[in-house]
Amino acid sequence: MADAPLPAGWTLQQIRDRSGDQEAVALDPHRAVTWVGDVTGVKETLRPVIVLGFHGLCLVKTVDHAWYMGSLYEDGSIDCWAGCNSLDDGLRGL
């Protein structure tokens, strides 16, 4: 999506270069995103402001400025199962 938000100070090409995925895309953040990484099994709905897709994986920035890594499903929904200290950490962890 051409008008999907990118992280401040980053271009899509920089994200592609850092991640090693030349097909990485910025996705519309208006989608169902759930935190499933809690060991108790409690799921939490997250409010994304930025979603970056890397084939079946994604990085999500939420309204509280936290970054998460998760699985991107064909229906557009996301289950996040890991937190990231920063976008850079998330890109290195892909």
Protein backbone atom coordinates (compact mmCIF):
# COMPACT_ATOMS: atom_id res chain seq x y z
CA MET A 1 0.00 0.00 0.00
CA ALA A 2 1.62 3.21 -1.17
CA ASP A 3 0.27 5.46 1.62
CA ALA A 4 0.80 3.07 4.56
CA PRO A 5 2.88 4.76 7.26
CA LEU A 6 6.60 4.17 7.67
CA PRO A 7 8.64 4.72 10.84
CA ALA A 8 9.94 8.28 11.20
CA GLY A 9 13.35 8.67 9.56
CA TRP A 10 13.11 5.40 7.59
CA THR A 11 12.50 4.78 3.91
CA LEU A 12 11.11 1.53 2.58
CA GLN A 13 14.44 0.89 0.84
CA GLN A 14 16.33 1.31 4.13
CA ILE A 15 13.97 -1.19 5.78
CA ARG A 16 14.50 -3.62 2.89
CA ASP A 17 18.26 -3.21 3.05
CA ARG A 18 18.45 -3.68 6.84
CA SER A 19 16.10 -6.68 6.86
CA GLY A 20 17.57 -8.34 3.77
CA ASP A 21 14.05 -8.71 2.34
CA GLN A 22 13.78 -6.74 -0.90
CA GLU A 23 10.03 -7.45 -1.00
CA ALA A 24 9.26 -5.91 2.42
CA VAL A 25 6.15 -3.70 2.38
CA ALA A 26 4.44 -1.13 4.56
CA LEU A 27 0.91 -2.32 5.25
CA ASP A 28 -2.29 -0.58 6.31
CA PRO A 29 -2.34 -0.61 10.13
CA HIS A 30 -6.14 -0.94 10.24
CA ARG A 31 -6.26 -4.68 10.89
CA ALA A 32 -6.72 -7.18 13.72
CA VAL A 33 -3.50 -7.50 15.75
CA THR A 34 -3.30 -9.72 18.82
CA TRP A 35 -0.54 -10.28 21.39
CA VAL A 36 -0.34 -14.03 22.00
CA GLY A 37 3.11 -14.12 23.62
CA ASP A 38 1.85 -14.18 27.21
CA VAL A 39 2.84 -17.49 28.85
CA THR A 40 -0.51 -17.56 30.69
CA GLY A 41 -2.34 -17.81 27.37
CA VAL A 42 -4.07 -14.45 27.81
CA LYS A 43 -4.53 -12.69 24.48
CA GLU A 44 -4.51 -8.90 24.18
CA THR A 45 -5.70 -6.74 21.31
CA LEU A 46 -2.98 -4.36 20.14
CA ARG A 47 -3.55 -1.01 18.43
CA PRO A 48 -1.05 -0.75 15.56
CA VAL A 49 0.10 2.50 13.99
CA ILE A 50 2.76 0.96 11.72
CA VAL A 51 2.80 -2.52 10.17
CA LEU A 52 5.73 -3.78 8.10
CA GLY A 53 5.30 -7.06 6.21
CA PHE A 54 8.10 -9.52 5.42
CA HIS A 55 6.41 -12.41 3.65
CA GLY A 56 4.75 -14.38 6.50
CA LEU A 57 6.33 -12.28 9.26
CA CYS A 58 5.73 -8.71 10.33
CA LEU A 59 6.85 -5.96 12.67
CA VAL A 60 4.19 -3.87 14.37
CA LYS A 61 4.52 -0.55 16.19
CA THR A 62 1.66 0.18 18.56
CA VAL A 63 0.14 3.42 19.83
CA ASP A 64 2.27 3.11 22.99
CA HIS A 65 5.44 3.07 20.79
CA ALA A 66 6.25 -0.59 21.49
CA TRP A 67 7.50 -2.86 18.68
CA TYR A 68 6.34 -6.46 18.24
CA MET A 69 7.17 -9.30 15.87
CA GLY A 70 4.53 -11.70 14.68
CA SER A 71 2.92 -13.85 12.04
CA LEU A 72 1.01 -12.23 9.18
CA TYR A 73 -1.88 -14.35 7.94
CA GLU A 74 -3.53 -14.41 4.51
CA ASP A 75 -6.66 -12.72 5.90
CA GLY A 76 -4.49 -9.76 7.01
CA SER A 77 -4.67 -10.49 10.72
CA ILE A 78 -1.55 -10.66 12.87
CA ASP A 79 -0.59 -12.67 15.96
CA CYS A 80 2.39 -11.11 17.74
CA TRP A 81 4.52 -13.47 19.81
CA ALA A 82 7.67 -11.47 20.57
CA GLY A 83 8.49 -7.97 21.71
CA CYS A 84 11.34 -5.94 20.21
CA ASN A 85 13.37 -3.20 21.89
CA SER A 86 13.35 -1.14 18.69
CA LEU A 87 12.67 -1.35 14.96
CA ASP A 88 16.37 -2.02 14.39
CA ASP A 89 16.29 -4.97 16.81
CA GLY A 90 13.21 -6.33 15.11
CA LEU A 91 14.76 -6.07 11.65
CA ARG A 92 17.86 -7.92 12.83
CA GLY A 93 15.65 -10.60 14.40
CA LEU A 94 13.73 -11.46 11.24
